[in-house]
Amino acid sequence: MISTNIRSIAFAGFLLLVPFSAHGQPRARGSLPDGSPFLGGIPTGTATSEPLQLSVQDAAQRALEHNLGLLTAEERTVGAAGARTRAFAELLPDVSATVSESRRKTNLEAFGFPVSLRTGFPSVVGPFNVFDARVFVSQAIIDLKASNDARAAGHELTATRYDYRDARELVVLVAGNLYLQALIANTRAESARAQRDTADALYSQAVNLRKSGLVAGIDVVRAEVRLSTERQRATASENEFQKAKLQLARAIGLPPGQPFVLTDTIPYNPAPVISLDDALERAYRQRPDYLALLERVQAAEAARRAVAGELLPSVRVTADYGAIGLTLPSSLPTFNLAGLVDVPLFEGGRVRGRIAQAESEVRLRRAEADDAKAGIYYEVQTAFLDLRASEEELKTATRSRELADQQLTQSRDRFAAGVVSNIEVIQSQEAVALASEQYIGALYRFNVAKTMLARAIGVIEDAIKEIR
């Protein structure tokens, strides 16, 4: 049931919350800063003259493949994997081998054999050859520090993988945000062109009525001023649309100069049917940023145990086996096996100081996880509130747009009949423009609210796969 309901969130835009400015343009609040790697992409391929048909799924997929922020997160995961391998290697045997052959001349007295004073045997012997081929093995039997270091590195690797998943969701958000902003800009440009065409028709109507002597010259002037305003608005809206497409192309790694067409339209789907408790349960279970914090709590606890392990004895076994002699054919097998118990007796308080630091790190990580859990609750609750409010706003804006269209139609009829001047028509045109802008903004915010609910639950990447 929950999975089915989440699908209805799907095409919500997959974006950061971006409210509208006074002029209807998207304005970032809490969005990514300029220069963020998530706003950049690595261009791939060669630009073609034929426009690329680009859906929101295509944009998200290309962003996942070429976005700079995600590639950076992936490299962090690789680095964490290397750190874990290095920590785990401390628990494995160290095996090495050497083969040597040397020619020596040795002073026996230097090694504690004063043979020449008692026996007349020369104190210097040689030169002679020594051949030695040997394998060395060293293995930790009990090393609590190394064991807990490996556990901490394992938890850190898992946390980094969750960070990578969170980065993927953020990339989908960014790509969807830029795609939806381009759609909004295109819709605004289409609305501006329609209003320009309407203003042009009204201007022609005013000119004809003036020639027929039915209206005054001031009506023609007013209509021309309105037409000039609408032309300027249409030009500015088209410019904003083209800039929005450029931002999208950069983030998803399109080759410079590649023309493309947005194949999707701004959707309207009813709000998803899902309870607050279900949404919270799912968010706590699968939000990658929250799961990463839980893993880092365990990593900090393992690191604290690793530091405490430095105060405990460790046991290590070393062995070597090989052949030694004057020459290779005359070499005889020999071996050495030794056990080492290392018992710390005095370390001057260094370890205890590090334990205090590690315990502080554990408390900090736990506090971050608890804060994140509370934050999830407030994010989900806020998303529900925004969803209800934006849905009501969209219903009102839809009705207002219908009424404004009816008002303009009636005003044009009254003006054509000579009942009123075109002041009423101009006012109706402005009402249509305002109602259209309010409808576009309300539809955008409604989709944003559904998106933020999907983001709060942690289903952005899965949801985009359900779009058809």
Protein backbone atom coordinates (compact mmCIF):
# COMPACT_ATOMS: atom_id res chain seq x y z
CA MET A 1 0.00 0.00 0.00
CA ILE A 2 2.72 2.44 0.94
CA SER A 3 4.71 1.62 -2.20
CA THR A 4 1.64 2.32 -4.37
CA ASN A 5 1.00 5.61 -2.64
CA ILE A 6 4.60 6.71 -2.98
CA ARG A 7 4.41 6.25 -6.76
CA SER A 8 1.91 9.11 -6.89
CA ILE A 9 4.65 11.35 -5.50
CA ALA A 10 6.86 10.46 -8.44
CA PHE A 11 6.87 13.31 -10.94
CA ALA A 12 6.79 16.02 -8.28
CA GLY A 13 9.97 17.55 -9.60
CA PHE A 14 12.51 15.87 -7.37
CA LEU A 15 13.94 19.19 -6.20
CA LEU A 16 14.97 21.44 -3.37
CA LEU A 17 12.31 23.76 -1.98
CA VAL A 18 12.47 26.92 -4.11
CA PRO A 19 9.76 29.53 -3.44
CA PHE A 20 8.83 32.25 -5.90
CA SER A 21 9.96 35.85 -5.80
CA ALA A 22 7.65 38.79 -6.17
CA HIS A 23 7.93 38.56 -9.97
CA GLY A 24 7.19 34.85 -10.09
CA GLN A 25 10.78 33.75 -10.68
CA PRO A 26 12.14 30.82 -8.65
CA ARG A 27 14.28 32.00 -5.78
CA ALA A 28 16.42 29.55 -3.81
CA ARG A 29 15.96 29.11 -0.09
CA GLY A 30 18.23 26.57 1.55
CA SER A 31 19.37 25.43 -1.87
CA LEU A 32 22.87 24.55 -2.94
CA PRO A 33 25.42 27.37 -2.88
CA ASP A 34 27.01 28.67 -6.05
CA GLY A 35 30.01 26.56 -6.97
CA SER A 36 28.62 23.39 -5.37
CA PRO A 37 29.86 20.29 -7.22
CA PHE A 38 26.25 19.07 -7.38
CA LEU A 39 25.46 21.95 -9.74
CA GLY A 40 28.20 20.88 -12.15
CA GLY A 41 28.64 17.95 -14.47
CA ILE A 42 31.36 16.44 -16.61
CA PRO A 43 30.43 16.97 -20.30
CA THR A 44 30.32 13.68 -22.18
CA GLY A 45 29.91 12.98 -25.87
CA THR A 46 29.84 15.19 -28.94
CA ALA A 47 27.13 17.73 -29.66
CA THR A 48 24.84 16.91 -32.56
CA SER A 49 22.71 19.20 -34.69
CA GLU A 50 19.57 17.17 -34.05
CA PRO A 51 17.81 18.16 -30.80
CA LEU A 52 17.94 15.59 -28.02
CA GLN A 53 14.58 14.48 -26.66
CA LEU A 54 15.00 14.80 -22.90
CA SER A 55 12.55 13.53 -20.28
CA VAL A 56 12.91 13.99 -16.54
CA GLN A 57 14.01 10.36 -16.27
CA ASP A 58 16.68 10.97 -18.90
CA ALA A 59 17.87 14.06 -17.05
CA ALA A 60 18.09 12.20 -13.75
CA GLN A 61 19.92 9.26 -15.31
CA ARG A 62 22.45 11.48 -17.05
CA ALA A 63 23.01 13.37 -13.81
CA LEU A 64 23.67 10.13 -11.95
CA GLU A 65 26.29 9.26 -14.55
CA HIS A 66 27.99 12.63 -15.00
CA ASN A 67 27.25 14.90 -12.02
CA LEU A 68 30.44 16.12 -10.36
CA GLY A 69 29.09 15.92 -6.82
CA LEU A 70 28.18 12.26 -7.16
CA LEU A 71 31.55 11.39 -8.67
CA THR A 72 33.19 13.09 -5.68
CA ALA A 73 31.06 11.06 -3.25
CA GLU A 74 31.96 7.88 -5.11
CA GLU A 75 35.67 8.58 -4.70
CA ARG A 76 35.15 9.09 -0.96
CA THR A 77 33.62 5.63 -0.83
CA VAL A 78 36.66 4.21 -2.58
CA GLY A 79 38.92 5.92 -0.06
CA ALA A 80 36.91 4.54 2.87
CA ALA A 81 37.15 1.06 1.38
CA GLY A 82 40.92 1.43 1.23
CA ALA A 83 41.03 2.54 4.88
CA ARG A 84 39.01 -0.50 5.91
CA THR A 85 41.30 -2.84 3.96
CA ARG A 86 44.30 -1.31 5.65
CA ALA A 87 42.76 -1.67 9.12
CA PHE A 88 41.66 -5.26 8.48
CA ALA A 89 45.17 -6.14 7.29
CA GLU A 90 46.43 -5.64 10.85
CA LEU A 91 44.55 -8.82 11.81
CA LEU A 92 46.00 -10.95 9.02
CA PRO A 93 49.38 -12.71 9.02
CA ASP A 94 52.41 -10.85 7.76
CA VAL A 95 54.33 -13.20 5.46
CA SER A 96 57.63 -12.34 3.82
CA ALA A 97 60.54 -14.22 2.30
CA THR A 98 64.20 -13.43 1.83
CA VAL A 99 67.02 -15.06 -0.09
CA SER A 100 70.54 -13.86 0.55
CA GLU A 101 74.08 -14.91 -0.20
CA SER A 102 77.03 -13.07 1.27
CA ARG A 103 80.80 -13.38 1.58
CA ARG A 104 82.07 -12.60 5.06
CA LYS A 105 85.22 -12.11 7.05
CA THR A 106 84.41 -11.98 10.75
CA ASN A 107 86.25 -10.96 13.92
CA LEU A 108 85.20 -13.57 16.49
CA GLU A 109 86.39 -11.51 19.42
CA ALA A 110 83.89 -8.80 18.50
CA PHE A 111 81.15 -11.33 19.17
CA GLY A 112 82.54 -12.43 22.56
CA PHE A 113 84.82 -15.29 21.48
CA PRO A 114 88.44 -14.50 22.58
CA VAL A 115 89.66 -17.69 20.97
CA SER A 116 93.14 -16.45 20.07
CA LEU A 117 94.19 -15.83 23.68
CA ARG A 118 93.42 -19.36 24.88
CA THR A 119 93.76 -21.71 21.93
CA GLY A 120 95.84 -19.84 19.45
CA PHE A 121 92.91 -20.01 17.03
CA PRO A 122 92.89 -16.94 14.78
CA SER A 123 90.43 -14.27 15.91
CA VAL A 124 89.55 -13.40 12.30
CA VAL A 125 87.99 -16.10 10.19
CA GLY A 126 87.13 -16.05 6.56
CA PRO A 127 86.48 -15.07 4.03
CA PHE A 128 83.62 -17.57 3.62
CA ASN A 129 80.24 -17.67 1.93
CA VAL A 130 76.83 -17.73 3.69
CA PHE A 131 73.61 -18.65 1.89
CA ASP A 132 70.24 -18.15 3.60
CA ALA A 133 66.73 -18.64 2.20
CA ARG A 134 63.93 -18.04 4.73
CA VAL A 135 60.18 -17.40 5.11
CA PHE A 136 58.98 -15.19 7.98
CA VAL A 137 55.46 -15.25 9.45
CA SER A 138 54.02 -12.95 12.11
CA GLN A 139 50.45 -13.26 13.39
CA ALA A 140 48.52 -11.33 16.05
CA ILE A 141 46.68 -13.76 18.33
CA ILE A 142 45.13 -11.24 20.71
CA ASP A 143 45.08 -7.57 19.67
CA LEU A 144 41.93 -5.78 20.80
CA LYS A 145 43.09 -2.47 19.39
CA ALA A 146 43.51 -3.84 15.88
CA SER A 147 40.20 -5.73 16.08
CA ASN A 148 38.24 -2.64 17.07
CA ASP A 149 40.08 -0.47 14.56
CA ALA A 150 38.90 -2.86 11.86
CA ARG A 151 35.32 -2.70 13.17
CA ALA A 152 35.42 1.10 13.24
CA ALA A 153 36.72 1.22 9.68
CA GLY A 154 33.96 -1.18 8.61
CA HIS A 155 31.25 1.01 10.11
CA GLU A 156 32.82 4.09 8.54
CA LEU A 157 32.80 2.39 5.15
CA THR A 158 29.12 1.53 5.55
CA ALA A 159 28.40 5.14 6.56
CA THR A 160 30.23 6.39 3.49
CA ARG A 161 28.15 4.11 1.30
CA TYR A 162 25.02 5.60 2.85
CA ASP A 163 26.50 9.04 2.13
CA TYR A 164 26.86 7.96 -1.48
CA ARG A 165 23.19 6.91 -1.57
CA ASP A 166 22.24 10.27 -0.09
CA ALA A 167 24.35 11.99 -2.72
CA ARG A 168 22.48 10.07 -5.43
CA GLU A 169 19.19 11.35 -4.03
CA LEU A 170 20.55 14.87 -3.94
CA VAL A 171 21.67 14.56 -7.56
CA VAL A 172 18.18 13.44 -8.55
CA LEU A 173 16.78 16.39 -6.60
CA VAL A 174 19.08 18.83 -8.38
CA ALA A 175 18.41 17.39 -11.82
CA GLY A 176 14.65 17.30 -11.21
CA ASN A 177 14.74 20.80 -9.78
CA LEU A 178 16.50 22.21 -12.82
CA TYR A 179 14.22 20.25 -15.16
CA LEU A 180 11.09 21.53 -13.42
CA GLN A 181 12.43 25.08 -13.33
CA ALA A 182 12.96 24.85 -17.08
CA LEU A 183 9.39 23.59 -17.49
CA ILE A 184 8.11 26.44 -15.33
CA ALA A 185 10.13 28.95 -17.34
CA ASN A 186 8.78 27.46 -20.57
CA THR A 187 5.21 27.61 -19.28
CA ARG A 188 5.72 31.21 -18.25
CA ALA A 189 7.17 32.00 -21.70
CA GLU A 190 4.19 30.36 -23.41
CA SER A 191 1.81 32.32 -21.19
CA ALA A 192 3.65 35.54 -21.98
CA ARG A 193 3.49 34.83 -25.71
CA ALA A 194 -0.24 34.12 -25.46
CA GLN A 195 -0.81 37.36 -23.59
CA ARG A 196 1.29 39.20 -26.18
CA ASP A 197 -0.85 37.74 -28.96
CA THR A 198 -3.97 38.75 -27.09
CA ALA A 199 -2.63 42.26 -26.61
CA ASP A 200 -1.79 42.42 -30.32
CA ALA A 201 -5.32 41.36 -31.23
CA LEU A 202 -6.79 43.94 -28.85
CA TYR A 203 -4.57 46.62 -30.32
CA SER A 204 -5.74 45.75 -33.84
CA GLN A 205 -9.31 45.80 -32.59
CA ALA A 206 -8.83 49.23 -31.03
CA VAL A 207 -7.31 50.59 -34.25
CA ASN A 208 -10.25 49.29 -36.31
CA LEU A 209 -12.81 50.67 -33.89
CA ARG A 210 -11.01 54.00 -33.92
CA LYS A 211 -11.17 54.10 -37.70
CA SER A 212 -14.88 53.40 -37.45
CA GLY A 213 -15.27 56.26 -34.98
CA LEU A 214 -16.56 54.00 -32.21
CA VAL A 215 -13.76 54.64 -29.70
CA ALA A 216 -11.46 57.49 -28.79
CA GLY A 217 -7.78 57.71 -29.70
CA ILE A 218 -6.79 57.19 -26.08
CA ASP A 219 -8.07 53.63 -26.32
CA VAL A 220 -5.59 52.94 -29.13
CA VAL A 221 -2.76 54.42 -27.08
CA ARG A 222 -3.66 52.30 -24.06
CA ALA A 223 -3.79 49.17 -26.21
CA GLU A 224 -0.41 49.96 -27.75
CA VAL A 225 1.17 50.53 -24.33
CA ARG A 226 -0.21 47.20 -23.20
CA LEU A 227 1.13 45.49 -26.31
CA SER A 228 4.59 46.95 -25.72
CA THR A 229 4.52 45.69 -22.13
CA GLU A 230 3.52 42.20 -23.18
CA ARG A 231 6.22 42.07 -25.85
CA GLN A 232 8.83 42.97 -23.26
CA ARG A 233 7.49 40.34 -20.87
CA ALA A 234 7.53 37.68 -23.59
CA THR A 235 11.15 38.49 -24.45
CA ALA A 236 12.25 38.35 -20.82
CA SER A 237 10.38 35.08 -20.22
CA GLU A 238 11.97 33.43 -23.25
CA ASN A 239 15.40 34.53 -22.06
CA GLU A 240 14.77 33.01 -18.62
CA PHE A 241 13.70 29.76 -20.27
CA GLN A 242 16.88 29.52 -22.32
CA LYS A 243 19.03 30.20 -19.24
CA ALA A 244 17.18 27.51 -17.29
CA LYS A 245 17.95 25.03 -20.06
CA LEU A 246 21.64 25.95 -19.93
CA GLN A 247 21.76 25.29 -16.18
CA LEU A 248 20.09 21.92 -16.68
CA ALA A 249 22.48 20.98 -19.50
CA ARG A 250 25.51 21.72 -17.35
CA ALA A 251 24.32 19.75 -14.33
CA ILE A 252 23.56 16.58 -16.32
CA GLY A 253 26.76 16.67 -18.38
CA LEU A 254 25.42 17.39 -21.86
CA PRO A 255 28.12 18.34 -24.37
CA PRO A 256 28.34 22.13 -24.84
CA GLY A 257 26.09 23.34 -27.62
CA GLN A 258 23.84 20.28 -27.63
CA PRO A 259 20.24 21.38 -28.41
CA PHE A 260 17.52 19.51 -26.54
CA VAL A 261 13.76 19.52 -26.09
CA LEU A 262 11.91 18.95 -22.83
CA THR A 263 9.46 16.14 -23.52
CA ASP A 264 7.61 16.17 -20.19
CA THR A 265 5.08 18.72 -18.98
CA ILE A 266 4.28 20.08 -15.54
CA PRO A 267 2.14 17.35 -14.03
CA TYR A 268 -0.86 17.41 -11.81
CA ASN A 269 -1.47 14.28 -9.79
CA PRO A 270 -3.49 14.13 -6.57
CA ALA A 271 -1.64 14.24 -3.28
CA PRO A 272 -0.44 10.80 -2.10
CA VAL A 273 -2.51 8.93 0.45
CA ILE A 274 -0.10 7.99 3.22
CA SER A 275 -0.33 8.47 6.97
CA LEU A 276 2.20 10.35 9.07
CA ASP A 277 3.08 7.22 11.06
CA ASP A 278 3.74 5.20 7.89
CA ALA A 279 5.87 7.98 6.44
CA LEU A 280 7.93 8.29 9.62
CA GLU A 281 8.43 4.54 9.95
CA ARG A 282 9.69 4.34 6.39
CA ALA A 283 11.93 7.38 6.78
CA TYR A 284 13.59 6.01 9.93
CA ARG A 285 14.18 2.72 8.17
CA GLN A 286 15.67 3.93 4.89
CA ARG A 287 16.79 7.56 5.00
CA PRO A 288 20.47 7.18 3.99
CA ASP A 289 21.64 10.30 5.82
CA TYR A 290 20.13 9.02 9.10
CA LEU A 291 21.48 5.50 8.59
CA ALA A 292 24.94 6.98 7.95
CA LEU A 293 24.81 8.77 11.30
CA LEU A 294 23.84 5.54 13.08
CA GLU A 295 26.81 3.80 11.49
CA ARG A 296 29.12 6.58 12.63
CA VAL A 297 27.87 6.14 16.19
CA GLN A 298 28.97 2.50 16.02
CA ALA A 299 32.25 3.53 14.41
CA ALA A 300 32.93 5.97 17.24
CA GLU A 301 32.14 3.31 19.85
CA ALA A 302 34.50 0.84 18.16
CA ALA A 303 37.20 3.51 18.00
CA ARG A 304 36.80 4.12 21.75
CA ARG A 305 37.20 0.40 22.43
CA ALA A 306 40.26 0.37 20.19
CA VAL A 307 41.91 3.10 22.23
CA ALA A 308 41.02 1.31 25.47
CA GLY A 309 42.58 -1.85 24.03
CA GLU A 310 45.98 -0.18 24.09
CA LEU A 311 45.97 -0.63 27.88
CA LEU A 312 45.47 -4.39 27.59
CA PRO A 313 48.07 -7.09 26.81
CA SER A 314 48.51 -8.26 23.23
CA VAL A 315 49.82 -11.60 22.07
CA ARG A 316 51.74 -12.18 18.83
CA VAL A 317 53.47 -15.24 17.38
CA THR A 318 56.42 -15.02 15.03
CA ALA A 319 58.12 -17.82 13.13
CA ASP A 320 60.63 -18.33 10.39
CA TYR A 321 61.70 -21.38 8.43
CA GLY A 322 64.46 -21.73 5.89
CA ALA A 323 67.82 -23.20 4.91
CA ILE A 324 71.23 -21.78 5.74
CA GLY A 325 74.75 -22.94 4.86
CA LEU A 326 77.99 -22.04 3.18
CA THR A 327 76.47 -22.80 -0.22
CA LEU A 328 73.05 -23.67 -1.57
CA PRO A 329 73.78 -27.43 -1.88
CA SER A 330 75.20 -27.59 1.65
CA SER A 331 72.38 -25.60 3.29
CA LEU A 332 70.49 -27.23 6.16
CA PRO A 333 66.91 -26.49 7.28
CA THR A 334 66.45 -24.37 10.40
CA PHE A 335 63.49 -22.66 12.05
CA ASN A 336 62.59 -20.32 14.87
CA LEU A 337 59.24 -20.04 16.66
CA ALA A 338 58.60 -17.34 19.24
CA GLY A 339 55.65 -15.99 21.19
CA LEU A 340 55.48 -12.37 22.33
CA VAL A 341 53.27 -11.00 25.09
CA ASP A 342 53.24 -7.19 25.22
CA VAL A 343 51.97 -5.83 28.55
CA PRO A 344 51.66 -2.03 28.84
CA LEU A 345 52.93 -0.91 32.24
CA PHE A 346 53.15 2.87 32.07
CA GLU A 347 52.14 5.21 29.30
CA GLY A 348 52.05 8.51 31.11
CA GLY A 349 48.30 9.09 30.72
CA ARG A 350 48.43 9.39 26.94
CA VAL A 351 45.97 6.54 26.37
CA ARG A 352 43.57 7.77 29.03
CA GLY A 353 43.56 11.17 27.40
CA ARG A 354 42.75 9.61 24.05
CA ILE A 355 39.97 7.57 25.69
CA ALA A 356 38.42 10.80 26.98
CA GLN A 357 38.56 12.22 23.45
CA ALA A 358 37.02 9.07 22.01
CA GLU A 359 34.18 9.11 24.55
CA SER A 360 33.50 12.74 23.67
CA GLU A 361 33.32 11.72 19.99
CA VAL A 362 30.81 8.98 20.84
CA ARG A 363 28.57 11.44 22.69
CA LEU A 364 28.79 13.88 19.79
CA ARG A 365 27.85 11.22 17.22
CA ARG A 366 24.91 10.08 19.34
CA ALA A 367 23.69 13.65 19.68
CA GLU A 368 23.89 14.10 15.90
CA ALA A 369 21.89 10.91 15.33
CA ASP A 370 19.24 11.92 17.86
CA ASP A 371 18.98 15.37 16.30
CA ALA A 372 18.66 13.83 12.83
CA LYS A 373 15.85 11.56 14.02
CA ALA A 374 13.97 14.52 15.44
CA GLY A 375 14.69 16.46 12.26
CA ILE A 376 13.12 13.70 10.17
CA TYR A 377 9.93 13.99 12.19
CA TYR A 378 9.75 17.74 11.63
CA GLU A 379 10.62 17.42 7.93
CA VAL A 380 7.87 14.87 7.35
CA GLN A 381 5.37 16.87 9.39
CA THR A 382 6.28 20.07 7.53
CA ALA A 383 5.94 18.28 4.19
CA PHE A 384 2.42 17.16 5.13
CA LEU A 385 1.44 20.71 6.12
CA ASP A 386 2.88 22.18 2.91
CA LEU A 387 1.15 19.52 0.85
CA ARG A 388 -2.28 20.32 2.27
CA ALA A 389 -1.79 24.08 1.95
CA SER A 390 -0.42 23.94 -1.60
CA GLU A 391 -3.24 21.64 -2.71
CA GLU A 392 -5.83 24.14 -1.51
CA GLU A 393 -3.85 26.99 -3.07
CA LEU A 394 -3.81 25.17 -6.41
CA LYS A 395 -7.58 24.65 -6.34
CA THR A 396 -8.12 28.35 -5.67
CA ALA A 397 -5.63 29.39 -8.35
CA THR A 398 -7.29 27.10 -10.90
CA ARG A 399 -10.67 28.65 -10.25
CA SER A 400 -9.21 32.18 -10.32
CA ARG A 401 -7.66 31.53 -13.72
CA GLU A 402 -11.00 30.31 -15.10
CA LEU A 403 -12.79 33.40 -13.78
CA ALA A 404 -10.10 35.73 -15.16
CA ASP A 405 -10.49 34.18 -18.63
CA GLN A 406 -14.25 34.68 -18.44
CA GLN A 407 -13.76 38.27 -17.31
CA LEU A 408 -11.47 39.02 -20.26
CA THR A 409 -13.89 37.47 -22.74
CA GLN A 410 -16.78 39.55 -21.44
CA SER A 411 -14.69 42.73 -21.35
CA ARG A 412 -13.66 42.26 -24.97
CA ASP A 413 -17.29 41.76 -25.98
CA ARG A 414 -18.36 44.89 -24.10
CA PHE A 415 -15.55 46.91 -25.66
CA ALA A 416 -16.40 45.66 -29.17
CA ALA A 417 -20.00 46.69 -28.57
CA GLY A 418 -18.86 50.15 -27.54
CA VAL A 419 -20.36 49.83 -24.08
CA VAL A 420 -17.10 50.53 -22.24
CA SER A 421 -13.62 51.84 -23.00
CA ASN A 422 -10.70 49.47 -23.17
CA ILE A 423 -9.66 50.36 -19.62
CA GLU A 424 -11.78 47.46 -18.53
CA VAL A 425 -10.13 45.24 -21.12
CA ILE A 426 -6.64 46.28 -19.99
CA GLN A 427 -7.59 45.53 -16.40
CA SER A 428 -8.94 42.15 -17.42
CA GLN A 429 -5.71 41.41 -19.27
CA GLU A 430 -3.74 42.19 -16.15
CA ALA A 431 -6.06 39.96 -14.14
CA VAL A 432 -5.45 37.10 -16.59
CA ALA A 433 -1.69 37.61 -16.39
CA LEU A 434 -1.80 37.63 -12.59
CA ALA A 435 -4.08 34.60 -12.43
CA SER A 436 -1.86 32.67 -14.83
CA GLU A 437 1.23 33.49 -12.78
CA GLN A 438 -0.55 32.47 -9.59
CA TYR A 439 -1.65 29.19 -11.16
CA ILE A 440 1.87 28.38 -12.39
CA GLY A 441 3.30 29.20 -8.97
CA ALA A 442 0.64 27.15 -7.16
CA LEU A 443 1.19 24.15 -9.44
CA TYR A 444 4.93 24.43 -8.91
CA ARG A 445 4.58 24.63 -5.12
CA PHE A 446 2.17 21.70 -5.07
CA ASN A 447 4.70 19.57 -6.94
CA VAL A 448 7.44 20.82 -4.66
CA ALA A 449 5.44 19.80 -1.58
CA LYS A 450 5.02 16.27 -2.95
CA THR A 451 8.71 16.21 -3.76
CA MET A 452 9.76 17.28 -0.30
CA LEU A 453 7.59 14.55 1.19
CA ALA A 454 9.35 12.02 -1.02
CA ARG A 455 12.70 13.50 0.00
CA ALA A 456 11.76 13.39 3.70
CA ILE A 457 10.79 9.73 3.38
CA GLY A 458 13.88 8.87 1.34
CA VAL A 459 12.29 7.53 -1.85
CA ILE A 460 13.38 10.03 -4.49
CA GLU A 461 15.54 7.70 -6.56
CA ASP A 462 13.02 4.86 -6.40
CA ALA A 463 10.11 7.15 -7.21
CA ILE A 464 11.66 8.49 -10.39
CA LYS A 465 11.83 4.96 -11.78
CA GLU A 466 8.03 4.74 -11.57
CA ILE A 467 7.42 7.70 -13.88
CA ARG A 468 5.73 6.78 -17.13
